[in-house]
N, C-alpha and C. Protein backbone atom coordinates (compact mmCIF):
# COMPACT_ATOMS: atom_id res chain seq x y z
N MET A 1 0.81 -1.19 0.00
CA MET A 1 0.00 0.00 0.00
C MET A 1 0.86 1.24 0.01
N LEU A 2 1.99 1.16 0.66
CA LEU A 2 2.84 2.34 0.76
C LEU A 2 3.37 2.76 -0.62
N GLU A 3 3.65 1.80 -1.51
CA GLU A 3 4.13 2.13 -2.82
C GLU A 3 3.10 2.87 -3.62
N GLY A 4 1.84 2.47 -3.50
CA GLY A 4 0.77 3.19 -4.21
C GLY A 4 0.64 4.63 -3.77
N ASP A 5 0.80 4.84 -2.46
CA ASP A 5 0.73 6.20 -1.93
C ASP A 5 1.86 7.06 -2.50
N GLN A 6 3.05 6.48 -2.53
CA GLN A 6 4.20 7.21 -3.05
C GLN A 6 4.03 7.49 -4.54
N GLY A 7 3.53 6.53 -5.26
CA GLY A 7 3.29 6.70 -6.69
C GLY A 7 2.25 7.78 -6.95
N GLY A 8 1.21 7.83 -6.09
CA GLY A 8 0.18 8.85 -6.25
C GLY A 8 0.72 10.26 -5.99
N ARG A 9 1.54 10.37 -4.98
CA ARG A 9 2.13 11.65 -4.66
C ARG A 9 3.13 12.04 -5.76
N LYS A 10 3.85 11.08 -6.28
CA LYS A 10 4.83 11.36 -7.30
C LYS A 10 4.14 11.87 -8.57
N SER A 11 3.07 11.20 -9.00
CA SER A 11 2.35 11.63 -10.19
C SER A 11 1.70 12.99 -9.96
N SER A 12 1.30 13.24 -8.73
CA SER A 12 0.68 14.53 -8.42
C SER A 12 1.73 15.65 -8.52
N THR A 13 2.95 15.39 -8.03
CA THR A 13 3.97 16.41 -8.13
C THR A 13 4.44 16.60 -9.55
N VAL A 14 4.47 15.52 -10.32
CA VAL A 14 4.83 15.64 -11.74
C VAL A 14 3.79 16.44 -12.49
N ALA A 15 2.52 16.15 -12.20
CA ALA A 15 1.44 16.90 -12.86
C ALA A 15 1.49 18.36 -12.47
N GLU A 16 1.79 18.64 -11.24
CA GLU A 16 1.88 20.04 -10.78
C GLU A 16 3.08 20.75 -11.48
N ALA A 17 4.17 20.01 -11.65
CA ALA A 17 5.34 20.60 -12.32
C ALA A 17 4.99 20.93 -13.79
N TYR A 18 4.29 20.02 -14.47
CA TYR A 18 3.87 20.28 -15.86
C TYR A 18 2.89 21.46 -15.90
N ARG A 19 2.02 21.55 -14.94
CA ARG A 19 1.05 22.62 -14.89
C ARG A 19 1.77 23.97 -14.74
N LYS A 20 2.80 23.99 -13.91
CA LYS A 20 3.55 25.24 -13.72
C LYS A 20 4.42 25.54 -14.93
N ALA A 21 4.96 24.55 -15.61
CA ALA A 21 5.85 24.76 -16.72
C ALA A 21 5.08 25.01 -18.04
N GLY A 22 3.80 24.72 -18.08
CA GLY A 22 3.00 24.87 -19.29
C GLY A 22 3.10 26.24 -19.96
N PRO A 23 2.90 27.33 -19.23
CA PRO A 23 2.99 28.65 -19.88
C PRO A 23 4.38 28.93 -20.45
N TYR A 24 5.43 28.44 -19.78
CA TYR A 24 6.79 28.68 -20.29
C TYR A 24 7.05 27.82 -21.53
N LEU A 25 6.53 26.61 -21.53
CA LEU A 25 6.65 25.77 -22.74
C LEU A 25 5.89 26.40 -23.93
N SER A 26 4.77 26.98 -23.64
CA SER A 26 3.98 27.67 -24.66
C SER A 26 4.74 28.86 -25.21
N ALA A 27 5.39 29.63 -24.34
CA ALA A 27 6.14 30.79 -24.77
C ALA A 27 7.31 30.37 -25.66
N SER A 28 8.00 29.30 -25.29
CA SER A 28 9.13 28.87 -26.10
C SER A 28 8.66 28.27 -27.44
N SER A 29 7.50 27.63 -27.48
CA SER A 29 6.98 27.13 -28.76
C SER A 29 6.52 28.29 -29.66
N LEU A 30 6.07 29.39 -29.07
CA LEU A 30 5.76 30.58 -29.88
C LEU A 30 7.02 31.08 -30.58
N LEU A 31 8.13 31.11 -29.87
CA LEU A 31 9.40 31.58 -30.44
C LEU A 31 9.84 30.67 -31.58
N THR A 32 9.89 29.39 -31.34
CA THR A 32 10.36 28.48 -32.37
C THR A 32 9.45 28.39 -33.59
N SER A 33 8.13 28.42 -33.35
CA SER A 33 7.19 28.33 -34.49
C SER A 33 7.22 29.60 -35.30
N SER A 34 7.42 30.75 -34.68
CA SER A 34 7.49 32.00 -35.41
C SER A 34 8.71 32.04 -36.33
N VAL A 35 9.85 31.62 -35.81
CA VAL A 35 11.07 31.57 -36.60
C VAL A 35 10.88 30.58 -37.76
N GLY A 36 10.38 29.42 -37.46
CA GLY A 36 10.18 28.41 -38.50
C GLY A 36 9.21 28.84 -39.59
N LEU A 37 8.08 29.39 -39.17
CA LEU A 37 7.07 29.80 -40.14
C LEU A 37 7.59 30.87 -41.09
N TRP A 38 8.17 31.92 -40.53
CA TRP A 38 8.65 33.06 -41.38
C TRP A 38 9.85 32.67 -42.22
N THR A 39 10.66 31.72 -41.77
CA THR A 39 11.76 31.23 -42.60
C THR A 39 11.21 30.47 -43.79
N VAL A 40 10.23 29.66 -43.58
CA VAL A 40 9.63 28.88 -44.68
C VAL A 40 8.93 29.83 -45.66
N VAL A 41 8.25 30.87 -45.15
CA VAL A 41 7.58 31.85 -46.01
C VAL A 41 8.65 32.53 -46.89
N GLY A 42 9.75 32.95 -46.28
CA GLY A 42 10.83 33.57 -47.03
C GLY A 42 11.40 32.65 -48.08
N TYR A 43 11.58 31.41 -47.76
CA TYR A 43 12.12 30.40 -48.67
C TYR A 43 11.21 30.27 -49.91
N PHE A 44 9.93 30.14 -49.68
CA PHE A 44 9.01 29.99 -50.81
C PHE A 44 8.87 31.26 -51.61
N LEU A 45 8.96 32.42 -50.97
CA LEU A 45 8.96 33.66 -51.74
C LEU A 45 10.18 33.77 -52.61
N ASP A 46 11.32 33.37 -52.09
CA ASP A 46 12.55 33.34 -52.88
C ASP A 46 12.42 32.43 -54.10
N ARG A 47 11.83 31.27 -53.92
CA ARG A 47 11.66 30.34 -55.04
C ARG A 47 10.71 30.94 -56.09
N LYS A 48 9.66 31.59 -55.64
CA LYS A 48 8.67 32.15 -56.57
C LYS A 48 9.20 33.39 -57.27
N LEU A 49 9.90 34.25 -56.52
CA LEU A 49 10.36 35.52 -57.09
C LEU A 49 11.76 35.48 -57.65
N GLY A 50 12.53 34.43 -57.34
CA GLY A 50 13.88 34.31 -57.80
C GLY A 50 14.84 35.31 -57.17
N THR A 51 14.63 35.62 -55.92
CA THR A 51 15.41 36.63 -55.23
C THR A 51 16.33 36.04 -54.16
N ALA A 52 16.68 34.78 -54.31
CA ALA A 52 17.46 34.08 -53.28
C ALA A 52 18.72 34.89 -52.93
N PRO A 53 19.11 35.00 -51.75
CA PRO A 53 18.57 34.55 -50.48
C PRO A 53 17.88 35.65 -49.71
N TRP A 54 17.45 36.73 -50.35
CA TRP A 54 16.98 37.92 -49.64
C TRP A 54 15.69 37.72 -48.90
N CYS A 55 14.71 37.10 -49.53
CA CYS A 55 13.43 36.87 -48.81
C CYS A 55 13.61 35.89 -47.67
N LEU A 56 14.50 34.91 -47.87
CA LEU A 56 14.78 33.97 -46.79
C LEU A 56 15.40 34.69 -45.61
N LEU A 57 16.36 35.56 -45.85
CA LEU A 57 16.97 36.31 -44.78
C LEU A 57 15.96 37.24 -44.09
N ALA A 58 15.16 37.94 -44.90
CA ALA A 58 14.16 38.86 -44.35
C ALA A 58 13.13 38.07 -43.54
N GLY A 59 12.70 36.92 -44.05
CA GLY A 59 11.71 36.10 -43.34
C GLY A 59 12.26 35.58 -42.02
N SER A 60 13.49 35.11 -42.05
CA SER A 60 14.08 34.56 -40.82
C SER A 60 14.32 35.66 -39.79
N LEU A 61 14.78 36.83 -40.21
CA LEU A 61 14.97 37.93 -39.28
C LEU A 61 13.62 38.43 -38.73
N SER A 62 12.61 38.47 -39.59
CA SER A 62 11.27 38.83 -39.11
C SER A 62 10.73 37.82 -38.11
N GLY A 63 10.97 36.54 -38.36
CA GLY A 63 10.52 35.52 -37.46
C GLY A 63 11.22 35.57 -36.14
N ILE A 64 12.54 35.85 -36.16
CA ILE A 64 13.27 35.98 -34.92
C ILE A 64 12.78 37.15 -34.13
N SER A 65 12.59 38.28 -34.79
CA SER A 65 12.12 39.49 -34.11
C SER A 65 10.74 39.28 -33.50
N LEU A 66 9.81 38.78 -34.33
CA LEU A 66 8.44 38.53 -33.83
C LEU A 66 8.44 37.47 -32.73
N GLY A 67 9.23 36.41 -32.91
CA GLY A 67 9.30 35.35 -31.90
C GLY A 67 9.79 35.84 -30.57
N PHE A 68 10.84 36.65 -30.56
CA PHE A 68 11.36 37.20 -29.30
C PHE A 68 10.36 38.16 -28.68
N TYR A 69 9.68 38.95 -29.51
CA TYR A 69 8.66 39.86 -28.96
C TYR A 69 7.56 39.06 -28.28
N LEU A 70 7.04 38.05 -28.92
CA LEU A 70 5.98 37.23 -28.32
C LEU A 70 6.46 36.49 -27.09
N PHE A 71 7.70 35.98 -27.15
CA PHE A 71 8.28 35.27 -26.02
C PHE A 71 8.39 36.18 -24.80
N LEU A 72 8.99 37.36 -25.03
CA LEU A 72 9.16 38.29 -23.89
C LEU A 72 7.86 38.82 -23.35
N ARG A 73 6.92 39.08 -24.25
CA ARG A 73 5.60 39.54 -23.80
C ARG A 73 4.92 38.51 -22.92
N THR A 74 5.00 37.24 -23.31
CA THR A 74 4.39 36.16 -22.54
C THR A 74 5.08 36.00 -21.19
N ILE A 75 6.40 36.00 -21.21
CA ILE A 75 7.14 35.80 -19.95
C ILE A 75 6.91 36.96 -18.98
N LEU A 76 6.89 38.17 -19.50
CA LEU A 76 6.66 39.34 -18.64
C LEU A 76 5.23 39.32 -18.08
N ALA A 77 4.27 38.88 -18.85
CA ALA A 77 2.90 38.77 -18.36
C ALA A 77 2.78 37.71 -17.28
N LEU A 78 3.50 36.62 -17.47
CA LEU A 78 3.50 35.58 -16.44
C LEU A 78 4.14 36.10 -15.14
N GLY A 79 5.23 36.84 -15.27
CA GLY A 79 5.89 37.40 -14.08
C GLY A 79 4.98 38.39 -13.35
N ALA A 80 4.26 39.21 -14.12
CA ALA A 80 3.35 40.19 -13.50
C ALA A 80 2.20 39.44 -12.81
N LYS A 81 1.72 38.36 -13.41
CA LYS A 81 0.64 37.60 -12.80
C LYS A 81 1.10 36.95 -11.49
N GLU A 82 2.31 36.37 -11.53
CA GLU A 82 2.83 35.74 -10.31
C GLU A 82 3.04 36.79 -9.21
N LYS A 83 3.51 37.96 -9.59
CA LYS A 83 3.73 39.03 -8.60
C LYS A 83 2.39 39.50 -8.02
N ALA A 84 1.37 39.61 -8.87
CA ALA A 84 0.06 40.01 -8.38
C ALA A 84 -0.55 38.95 -7.49
N ASP A 85 -0.36 37.67 -7.83
CA ASP A 85 -0.85 36.58 -6.98
C ASP A 85 -0.17 36.57 -5.65
N ALA A 86 1.15 36.85 -5.62
CA ALA A 86 1.87 36.89 -4.37
C ALA A 86 1.41 38.08 -3.52
N ALA A 87 1.14 39.21 -4.16
CA ALA A 87 0.70 40.40 -3.40
C ALA A 87 -0.68 40.20 -2.83
N ASN A 88 -1.52 39.45 -3.53
CA ASN A 88 -2.88 39.17 -3.05
C ASN A 88 -2.91 38.06 -2.03
N GLY A 89 -1.79 37.35 -1.91
CA GLY A 89 -1.73 36.29 -0.94
C GLY A 89 -2.34 34.99 -1.42
N SER A 90 -2.73 34.92 -2.70
CA SER A 90 -3.36 33.69 -3.17
C SER A 90 -2.34 32.59 -3.39
N GLY A 91 -1.19 32.89 -3.96
CA GLY A 91 -0.13 31.89 -4.16
C GLY A 91 -0.67 30.68 -4.89
N ASP A 92 -0.31 29.51 -4.35
CA ASP A 92 -0.76 28.23 -4.94
C ASP A 92 -1.96 27.66 -4.17
N VAL A 93 -2.51 28.39 -3.26
CA VAL A 93 -3.64 27.89 -2.49
C VAL A 93 -4.87 27.88 -3.38
N ARG A 94 -5.52 26.76 -3.44
CA ARG A 94 -6.72 26.64 -4.29
C ARG A 94 -7.93 26.62 -3.35
N HIS A 95 -8.90 27.45 -3.67
CA HIS A 95 -10.12 27.54 -2.88
C HIS A 95 -11.23 26.83 -3.65
N GLU A 96 -11.91 25.92 -2.93
CA GLU A 96 -13.06 25.24 -3.55
C GLU A 96 -14.33 25.90 -3.08
N ARG A 97 -15.25 26.01 -4.03
CA ARG A 97 -16.54 26.63 -3.68
C ARG A 97 -17.65 25.64 -3.82
């Protein structure tokens, strides 16, 4: 019985860790997907227009810029939310109604 209890607590802590890491994983996927998308757009524009490598470079730089903007905006919003939660005293305490 003791092993089941430990396993339940372990899965609970793992689930809690994923729940806390979720917004940060989302922010990093915004960064990578933005870079990937705009690089592919630039590549296909280069193929269509015959302007290699200029659209590819412009697309990748645009993707990097937009990705970092979205990443930083998300991370700063999460920091502000955590600071507001700490100021309100709510923290990780969950209230059931």
